[in-house]
């Protein structure tokens, strides 16, 4: 099977990220898997579709994406604050303020669940800070992808 990404005929394909994710998770329907992806792939329609198929998903999202609710402005948030909203379709959007803001769109976590994570301060000490469970899970899973990419590069053959 040949899959072409990016163009349909002479036209640039719209919703390419959504189609890529759907292609890769096609065999996961109703198996309660979790997938994480970056903002290029994240859309409300994709997460709603995956939720119907019982594929749990979480992805970073740009704050300027259409049809997302307004959350607190950065100037009104201090470090470690977070804000969230849920839709009537079961999606949640979450914003967590660290050194900069991180926005997540997800279809399975309760946005009120908070865990403590370790953060390294400028002087090298580590402190525990509250963090939404969804963001902690996202970071844990995306770190696996980053480590895999790093190791793969080490062993690539020209």
N, C-alpha and C. Protein backbone atom coordinates (compact mmCIF):
# COMPACT_ATOMS: atom_id res chain seq x y z
N UNK A 1 0.84 -1.18 0.00
CA UNK A 1 0.00 0.00 0.00
C UNK A 1 0.89 1.24 0.00
N UNK A 2 0.62 2.15 -0.89
CA UNK A 2 1.36 3.40 -0.97
C UNK A 2 0.48 4.52 -0.43
N UNK A 3 1.04 5.26 0.52
CA UNK A 3 0.31 6.39 1.09
C UNK A 3 1.06 7.66 0.71
N UNK A 4 0.38 8.57 0.07
CA UNK A 4 1.00 9.84 -0.30
C UNK A 4 0.45 10.92 0.62
N UNK A 5 1.34 11.70 1.17
CA UNK A 5 0.94 12.77 2.07
C UNK A 5 1.31 14.12 1.49
N UNK A 6 0.42 15.07 1.61
CA UNK A 6 0.75 16.44 1.27
C UNK A 6 0.01 17.01 0.09
N UNK A 7 -0.24 16.19 -0.97
CA UNK A 7 -0.91 16.72 -2.15
C UNK A 7 -1.98 15.76 -2.65
N UNK A 8 -3.01 16.34 -3.19
CA UNK A 8 -4.02 15.59 -3.91
C UNK A 8 -4.06 16.21 -5.30
N UNK A 9 -3.48 15.53 -6.25
CA UNK A 9 -3.36 16.10 -7.59
C UNK A 9 -2.40 17.27 -7.53
N UNK A 10 -2.85 18.43 -8.00
CA UNK A 10 -2.02 19.64 -7.97
C UNK A 10 -2.30 20.51 -6.76
N UNK A 11 -3.24 20.08 -5.89
CA UNK A 11 -3.64 20.88 -4.73
C UNK A 11 -2.99 20.39 -3.46
N UNK A 12 -2.67 21.31 -2.57
CA UNK A 12 -2.16 20.95 -1.26
C UNK A 12 -3.33 20.41 -0.44
N UNK A 13 -3.10 19.30 0.23
CA UNK A 13 -4.17 18.65 0.99
C UNK A 13 -4.47 19.40 2.27
N UNK A 14 -5.76 19.59 2.55
CA UNK A 14 -6.19 20.18 3.81
C UNK A 14 -6.37 19.05 4.83
N UNK A 15 -6.21 19.36 6.10
CA UNK A 15 -6.37 18.40 7.19
C UNK A 15 -5.45 17.19 7.03
N UNK A 16 -4.26 17.45 6.56
CA UNK A 16 -3.28 16.38 6.36
C UNK A 16 -2.94 15.70 7.68
N UNK A 17 -2.70 16.48 8.73
CA UNK A 17 -2.35 15.91 10.03
C UNK A 17 -3.41 14.98 10.54
N UNK A 18 -4.66 15.37 10.38
CA UNK A 18 -5.78 14.54 10.83
C UNK A 18 -5.80 13.21 10.07
N UNK A 19 -5.58 13.27 8.77
CA UNK A 19 -5.59 12.05 7.96
C UNK A 19 -4.43 11.13 8.33
N UNK A 20 -3.27 11.71 8.60
CA UNK A 20 -2.10 10.91 8.99
C UNK A 20 -2.39 10.13 10.27
N UNK A 21 -2.93 10.80 11.27
CA UNK A 21 -3.24 10.13 12.54
C UNK A 21 -4.27 9.04 12.32
N UNK A 22 -5.33 9.34 11.59
CA UNK A 22 -6.37 8.33 11.35
C UNK A 22 -5.82 7.11 10.63
N UNK A 23 -4.88 7.32 9.72
CA UNK A 23 -4.26 6.20 9.01
C UNK A 23 -3.48 5.32 9.97
N UNK A 24 -2.72 5.94 10.86
CA UNK A 24 -1.89 5.16 11.77
C UNK A 24 -2.66 4.47 12.90
N UNK A 25 -3.81 5.00 13.27
CA UNK A 25 -4.57 4.38 14.38
C UNK A 25 -5.73 3.54 13.88
N UNK A 26 -5.79 3.32 12.60
CA UNK A 26 -6.92 2.60 12.00
C UNK A 26 -7.24 1.27 12.70
N UNK A 27 -6.24 0.50 13.08
CA UNK A 27 -6.45 -0.81 13.70
C UNK A 27 -6.62 -0.75 15.22
N UNK A 28 -6.66 0.43 15.80
CA UNK A 28 -6.77 0.55 17.25
C UNK A 28 -8.20 0.72 17.75
N UNK A 29 -9.18 0.75 16.88
CA UNK A 29 -10.57 1.02 17.27
C UNK A 29 -11.01 0.09 18.40
N UNK A 30 -11.62 0.70 19.40
CA UNK A 30 -12.24 0.00 20.53
C UNK A 30 -11.26 -0.86 21.33
N UNK A 31 -10.01 -0.48 21.35
CA UNK A 31 -9.00 -1.23 22.12
C UNK A 31 -8.46 -0.41 23.29
N UNK A 32 -9.05 0.74 23.54
CA UNK A 32 -8.67 1.60 24.67
C UNK A 32 -7.20 2.01 24.66
N UNK A 33 -6.66 2.29 23.49
CA UNK A 33 -5.28 2.78 23.39
C UNK A 33 -5.24 4.28 23.61
N UNK A 34 -4.07 4.77 23.96
CA UNK A 34 -3.85 6.20 24.11
C UNK A 34 -2.82 6.64 23.08
N UNK A 35 -3.06 7.77 22.44
CA UNK A 35 -2.10 8.34 21.51
C UNK A 35 -1.85 9.79 21.88
N UNK A 36 -0.63 10.22 21.66
CA UNK A 36 -0.23 11.60 21.91
C UNK A 36 0.41 12.13 20.64
N UNK A 37 0.16 13.40 20.35
CA UNK A 37 0.77 13.99 19.17
C UNK A 37 0.96 15.48 19.37
N UNK A 38 1.73 16.06 18.46
CA UNK A 38 2.05 17.48 18.53
C UNK A 38 0.97 18.31 17.84
N UNK A 39 1.11 19.63 17.97
CA UNK A 39 0.05 20.53 17.52
C UNK A 39 -0.24 20.47 16.02
N UNK A 40 0.70 20.01 15.20
CA UNK A 40 0.43 19.92 13.77
C UNK A 40 -0.73 18.96 13.50
N UNK A 41 -0.86 17.93 14.32
CA UNK A 41 -1.86 16.89 14.11
C UNK A 41 -3.16 17.13 14.88
N UNK A 42 -3.15 18.01 15.85
CA UNK A 42 -4.27 18.16 16.79
C UNK A 42 -5.39 19.02 16.22
N UNK A 43 -6.61 18.50 16.27
CA UNK A 43 -7.80 19.27 15.91
C UNK A 43 -8.98 18.74 16.72
N UNK A 44 -9.97 19.58 16.92
CA UNK A 44 -11.15 19.14 17.67
C UNK A 44 -11.88 18.02 16.94
N UNK A 45 -11.98 18.12 15.63
CA UNK A 45 -12.70 17.07 14.89
C UNK A 45 -11.98 15.73 14.99
N UNK A 46 -10.64 15.74 14.98
CA UNK A 46 -9.88 14.50 15.12
C UNK A 46 -10.11 13.89 16.49
N UNK A 47 -10.01 14.68 17.55
CA UNK A 47 -10.17 14.13 18.89
C UNK A 47 -11.59 13.64 19.14
N UNK A 48 -12.58 14.31 18.58
CA UNK A 48 -13.97 13.83 18.70
C UNK A 48 -14.13 12.49 17.98
N UNK A 49 -13.56 12.38 16.78
CA UNK A 49 -13.65 11.13 16.01
C UNK A 49 -12.94 9.99 16.75
N UNK A 50 -11.77 10.25 17.30
CA UNK A 50 -11.04 9.22 18.03
C UNK A 50 -11.79 8.80 19.29
N UNK A 51 -12.42 9.75 19.95
CA UNK A 51 -13.18 9.41 21.17
C UNK A 51 -14.32 8.44 20.85
N UNK A 52 -15.03 8.69 19.77
CA UNK A 52 -16.12 7.81 19.34
C UNK A 52 -15.59 6.39 19.12
N UNK A 53 -14.36 6.29 18.61
CA UNK A 53 -13.76 4.98 18.32
C UNK A 53 -13.02 4.42 19.53
N UNK A 54 -13.19 5.04 20.69
CA UNK A 54 -12.53 4.64 21.94
C UNK A 54 -11.01 4.61 21.81
N UNK A 55 -10.49 5.60 21.12
CA UNK A 55 -9.05 5.82 21.06
C UNK A 55 -8.82 7.12 21.82
N UNK A 56 -8.12 7.02 22.92
CA UNK A 56 -7.93 8.18 23.78
C UNK A 56 -6.74 8.97 23.29
N UNK A 57 -6.93 10.27 23.16
CA UNK A 57 -5.91 11.10 22.52
C UNK A 57 -5.68 12.39 23.29
N UNK A 58 -4.44 12.86 23.16
CA UNK A 58 -4.03 14.11 23.78
C UNK A 58 -2.98 14.74 22.87
N UNK A 59 -3.11 16.02 22.63
CA UNK A 59 -2.12 16.70 21.81
C UNK A 59 -1.99 18.15 22.20
N UNK A 60 -0.80 18.68 21.96
CA UNK A 60 -0.62 20.12 22.15
C UNK A 60 -1.44 20.82 21.06
N UNK A 61 -1.84 22.02 21.34
CA UNK A 61 -2.65 22.77 20.38
C UNK A 61 -2.25 24.24 20.47
N UNK A 62 -2.28 24.93 19.33
CA UNK A 62 -2.01 26.36 19.32
C UNK A 62 -3.19 27.11 19.92
N UNK A 63 -2.89 28.10 20.71
CA UNK A 63 -3.96 28.86 21.37
C UNK A 63 -4.82 29.61 20.36
N UNK A 64 -4.31 29.81 19.14
CA UNK A 64 -5.05 30.55 18.11
C UNK A 64 -5.91 29.66 17.22
N UNK A 65 -5.95 28.35 17.51
CA UNK A 65 -6.77 27.44 16.71
C UNK A 65 -8.24 27.84 16.78
N UNK A 66 -8.91 27.75 15.63
CA UNK A 66 -10.33 28.14 15.57
C UNK A 66 -11.18 27.25 16.47
N UNK A 67 -12.27 27.82 16.95
CA UNK A 67 -13.32 27.13 17.71
C UNK A 67 -12.88 26.67 19.10
N UNK A 68 -11.80 27.19 19.62
CA UNK A 68 -11.40 26.85 20.99
C UNK A 68 -11.89 27.95 21.92
N UNK A 69 -12.30 27.58 23.13
CA UNK A 69 -12.76 28.61 24.07
C UNK A 69 -11.58 29.45 24.57
N UNK A 70 -11.89 30.63 25.01
CA UNK A 70 -10.86 31.51 25.58
C UNK A 70 -10.54 31.05 26.99
N UNK A 71 -9.26 30.96 27.29
CA UNK A 71 -8.82 30.65 28.65
C UNK A 71 -8.15 31.90 29.21
N UNK A 72 -7.77 31.84 30.48
CA UNK A 72 -7.13 33.00 31.10
C UNK A 72 -5.95 33.48 30.26
N UNK A 73 -5.75 34.78 30.26
CA UNK A 73 -4.61 35.35 29.55
C UNK A 73 -3.34 35.13 30.37
N UNK A 74 -2.21 35.02 29.68
CA UNK A 74 -0.93 34.78 30.35
C UNK A 74 -0.64 35.81 31.44
N UNK A 75 -0.96 37.07 31.16
CA UNK A 75 -0.66 38.13 32.13
C UNK A 75 -1.46 37.96 33.42
N UNK A 76 -2.56 37.22 33.38
CA UNK A 76 -3.38 36.98 34.56
C UNK A 76 -3.05 35.66 35.25
N UNK A 77 -1.99 35.00 34.80
CA UNK A 77 -1.60 33.71 35.37
C UNK A 77 -0.18 33.80 35.90
N UNK A 78 0.05 33.14 37.01
CA UNK A 78 1.42 33.05 37.51
C UNK A 78 1.94 31.64 37.21
N UNK A 79 3.20 31.43 37.40
CA UNK A 79 3.82 30.14 37.13
C UNK A 79 3.09 29.04 37.91
N UNK A 80 2.82 27.92 37.25
CA UNK A 80 2.14 26.75 37.80
C UNK A 80 0.63 26.89 37.89
N UNK A 81 0.06 28.00 37.41
CA UNK A 81 -1.40 28.12 37.32
C UNK A 81 -1.88 27.36 36.10
N UNK A 82 -3.11 26.89 36.15
CA UNK A 82 -3.71 26.31 34.95
C UNK A 82 -5.18 26.64 34.88
N UNK A 83 -5.68 26.60 33.67
CA UNK A 83 -7.08 26.88 33.40
C UNK A 83 -7.56 25.83 32.40
N UNK A 84 -8.84 25.54 32.39
CA UNK A 84 -9.36 24.53 31.48
C UNK A 84 -10.83 24.77 31.20
N UNK A 85 -11.30 24.11 30.15
CA UNK A 85 -12.72 24.14 29.80
C UNK A 85 -13.05 22.81 29.13
N UNK A 86 -14.29 22.39 29.24
CA UNK A 86 -14.72 21.16 28.58
C UNK A 86 -15.88 21.47 27.63
N UNK A 87 -16.02 20.61 26.63
CA UNK A 87 -17.10 20.78 25.66
C UNK A 87 -18.22 19.78 25.96
N UNK A 88 -19.34 19.96 25.31
CA UNK A 88 -20.43 19.02 25.49
C UNK A 88 -20.17 17.69 24.76
N UNK A 89 -19.10 17.63 23.96
CA UNK A 89 -18.73 16.39 23.27
C UNK A 89 -17.67 15.59 24.03
N UNK A 90 -17.26 16.09 25.20
CA UNK A 90 -16.30 15.35 26.02
C UNK A 90 -14.85 15.71 25.79
N UNK A 91 -14.59 16.78 25.06
CA UNK A 91 -13.21 17.23 24.89
C UNK A 91 -12.88 18.25 25.98
N UNK A 92 -11.61 18.29 26.35
CA UNK A 92 -11.14 19.30 27.29
C UNK A 92 -9.97 20.04 26.68
N UNK A 93 -9.91 21.32 26.95
CA UNK A 93 -8.73 22.11 26.60
C UNK A 93 -8.14 22.59 27.91
N UNK A 94 -6.83 22.56 27.97
CA UNK A 94 -6.15 22.90 29.20
C UNK A 94 -4.96 23.80 28.88
N UNK A 95 -4.75 24.78 29.73
CA UNK A 95 -3.60 25.68 29.59
C UNK A 95 -2.86 25.66 30.91
N UNK A 96 -1.56 25.38 30.85
CA UNK A 96 -0.73 25.39 32.04
C UNK A 96 0.39 26.38 31.83
N UNK A 97 0.60 27.24 32.82
CA UNK A 97 1.64 28.27 32.72
C UNK A 97 2.87 27.81 33.45
N UNK A 98 3.95 27.67 32.73
CA UNK A 98 5.27 27.41 33.31
C UNK A 98 6.12 28.59 32.90
N UNK A 99 7.30 28.36 32.36
CA UNK A 99 8.08 29.47 31.83
C UNK A 99 7.33 30.11 30.67
N UNK A 100 6.58 29.27 29.94
CA UNK A 100 5.65 29.76 28.92
C UNK A 100 4.41 28.88 29.00
N UNK A 101 3.37 29.25 28.29
CA UNK A 101 2.11 28.52 28.36
C UNK A 101 2.13 27.29 27.46
N UNK A 102 1.50 26.23 27.95
CA UNK A 102 1.32 24.99 27.19
C UNK A 102 -0.17 24.74 27.10
N UNK A 103 -0.66 24.50 25.89
CA UNK A 103 -2.08 24.20 25.66
C UNK A 103 -2.22 22.76 25.21
N UNK A 104 -3.13 22.03 25.84
CA UNK A 104 -3.42 20.64 25.46
C UNK A 104 -4.90 20.52 25.12
N UNK A 105 -5.17 19.69 24.11
CA UNK A 105 -6.53 19.31 23.78
C UNK A 105 -6.59 17.81 23.98
N UNK A 106 -7.59 17.33 24.73
CA UNK A 106 -7.63 15.91 25.07
C UNK A 106 -9.05 15.40 25.14
N UNK A 107 -9.18 14.07 25.05
CA UNK A 107 -10.52 13.49 25.06
C UNK A 107 -10.72 12.44 26.15
N UNK A 108 -9.80 12.37 27.14
CA UNK A 108 -10.00 11.33 28.15
C UNK A 108 -9.62 11.70 29.57
N UNK A 109 -8.77 12.63 29.81
CA UNK A 109 -8.36 12.98 31.17
C UNK A 109 -9.37 13.90 31.83
N UNK A 110 -9.49 13.78 33.14
CA UNK A 110 -10.26 14.73 33.92
C UNK A 110 -9.34 15.93 34.16
N UNK A 111 -9.69 17.10 33.67
CA UNK A 111 -8.79 18.25 33.78
C UNK A 111 -8.54 18.72 35.22
N UNK A 112 -9.32 18.23 36.16
CA UNK A 112 -9.13 18.64 37.55
C UNK A 112 -8.08 17.80 38.28
N UNK A 113 -7.68 16.67 37.71
CA UNK A 113 -6.67 15.81 38.36
C UNK A 113 -5.30 16.47 38.28
N UNK A 114 -4.67 16.58 39.45
CA UNK A 114 -3.36 17.23 39.55
C UNK A 114 -2.38 16.29 40.25
N UNK A 115 -1.14 16.29 39.78
CA UNK A 115 -0.07 15.51 40.40
C UNK A 115 1.08 16.47 40.71
N UNK A 116 2.04 15.98 41.47
CA UNK A 116 3.24 16.78 41.73
C UNK A 116 4.37 16.28 40.85
N UNK A 117 5.08 17.22 40.23
CA UNK A 117 6.23 16.88 39.40
C UNK A 117 7.44 17.63 39.93
N UNK A 118 8.61 17.10 39.64
CA UNK A 118 9.84 17.77 40.05
C UNK A 118 10.28 18.74 38.97
N UNK A 119 10.70 19.91 39.42
CA UNK A 119 11.21 20.91 38.50
C UNK A 119 12.53 21.43 39.02
N UNK A 120 13.47 21.55 38.12
CA UNK A 120 14.80 22.03 38.49
C UNK A 120 14.79 23.55 38.48
N UNK A 121 15.24 24.12 39.58
CA UNK A 121 15.34 25.57 39.70
C UNK A 121 16.65 26.05 39.08
N UNK A 122 16.79 27.36 38.94
CA UNK A 122 18.00 27.94 38.35
C UNK A 122 19.26 27.60 39.15
N UNK A 123 19.12 27.45 40.46
CA UNK A 123 20.29 27.15 41.30
C UNK A 123 20.61 25.66 41.34
N UNK A 124 19.84 24.83 40.60
CA UNK A 124 20.11 23.39 40.54
C UNK A 124 19.28 22.56 41.50
N UNK A 125 18.62 23.19 42.44
CA UNK A 125 17.78 22.42 43.37
C UNK A 125 16.51 21.97 42.66
N UNK A 126 15.91 20.91 43.19
CA UNK A 126 14.66 20.42 42.64
C UNK A 126 13.54 20.67 43.62
N UNK A 127 12.43 21.15 43.10
CA UNK A 127 11.25 21.39 43.93
C UNK A 127 10.06 20.66 43.30
N UNK A 128 9.09 20.32 44.13
CA UNK A 128 7.87 19.70 43.63
C UNK A 128 6.85 20.80 43.36
N UNK A 129 6.23 20.72 42.19
CA UNK A 129 5.21 21.70 41.82
C UNK A 129 3.97 20.97 41.34
N UNK A 130 2.78 21.55 41.55
CA UNK A 130 1.56 20.92 41.05
C UNK A 130 1.49 21.04 39.52
N UNK A 131 1.00 19.97 38.90
CA UNK A 131 0.91 19.93 37.44
C UNK A 131 -0.32 19.10 37.07
N UNK A 132 -1.08 19.51 36.07
CA UNK A 132 -2.22 18.68 35.65
C UNK A 132 -1.75 17.28 35.22
N UNK A 133 -2.47 16.26 35.62
CA UNK A 133 -2.12 14.88 35.29
C UNK A 133 -2.01 14.68 33.78
N UNK A 134 -2.89 15.31 33.02
CA UNK A 134 -2.86 15.18 31.56
C UNK A 134 -1.52 15.65 30.99
N UNK A 135 -1.00 16.76 31.49
CA UNK A 135 0.27 17.28 31.00
C UNK A 135 1.42 16.37 31.41
N UNK A 136 1.38 15.85 32.62
CA UNK A 136 2.41 14.93 33.08
C UNK A 136 2.43 13.67 32.20
N UNK A 137 1.25 13.11 31.91
CA UNK A 137 1.16 11.94 31.03
C UNK A 137 1.68 12.26 29.63
N UNK A 138 1.27 13.41 29.10
CA UNK A 138 1.72 13.81 27.76
C UNK A 138 3.24 13.90 27.71
N UNK A 139 3.82 14.58 28.70
CA UNK A 139 5.28 14.73 28.72
C UNK A 139 5.98 13.38 28.84
N UNK A 140 5.46 12.50 29.67
CA UNK A 140 6.07 11.17 29.84
C UNK A 140 6.06 10.40 28.53
N UNK A 141 4.94 10.42 27.83
CA UNK A 141 4.83 9.68 26.58
C UNK A 141 5.59 10.32 25.44
N UNK A 142 5.59 11.62 25.36
CA UNK A 142 6.34 12.28 24.28
C UNK A 142 7.84 12.15 24.50
N UNK A 143 8.27 12.06 25.75
CA UNK A 143 9.70 11.84 26.01
C UNK A 143 10.15 10.50 25.45
N UNK A 144 9.27 9.49 25.48
CA UNK A 144 9.62 8.19 24.89
C UNK A 144 9.87 8.35 23.40
N UNK A 145 9.04 9.12 22.73
CA UNK A 145 9.21 9.35 21.29
C UNK A 145 10.53 10.08 21.05
N UNK A 146 10.81 11.11 21.83
CA UNK A 146 12.05 11.87 21.66
C UNK A 146 13.27 10.99 21.88
N UNK A 147 13.23 10.15 22.91
CA UNK A 147 14.37 9.25 23.18
C UNK A 147 14.54 8.23 22.05
N UNK A 148 13.43 7.72 21.52
CA UNK A 148 13.50 6.77 20.41
C UNK A 148 14.16 7.45 19.20
N UNK A 149 13.72 8.67 18.88
CA UNK A 149 14.32 9.40 17.75
C UNK A 149 15.80 9.63 17.97
N UNK A 150 16.18 9.98 19.20
CA UNK A 150 17.58 10.23 19.52
C UNK A 150 18.40 8.96 19.33
N UNK A 151 17.92 7.83 19.83
CA UNK A 151 18.66 6.57 19.70
C UNK A 151 18.69 6.10 18.25
N UNK A 152 17.61 6.29 17.53
CA UNK A 152 17.55 5.88 16.14
C UNK A 152 18.63 6.61 15.33
N UNK A 153 18.80 7.90 15.58
CA UNK A 153 19.82 8.67 14.88
C UNK A 153 21.22 8.13 15.14
N UNK A 154 21.44 7.65 16.36
CA UNK A 154 22.76 7.12 16.73
C UNK A 154 23.13 5.89 15.90
N UNK A 155 22.14 5.07 15.56
CA UNK A 155 22.40 3.80 14.88
C UNK A 155 22.01 3.79 13.41
N UNK A 156 21.74 4.95 12.83
CA UNK A 156 21.37 4.99 11.42
C UNK A 156 22.55 4.64 10.53
N UNK A 157 22.23 4.01 9.42
CA UNK A 157 23.24 3.65 8.43
C UNK A 157 23.04 4.55 7.22
N UNK A 158 24.12 5.08 6.69
CA UNK A 158 24.02 5.96 5.51
C UNK A 158 23.52 5.19 4.30
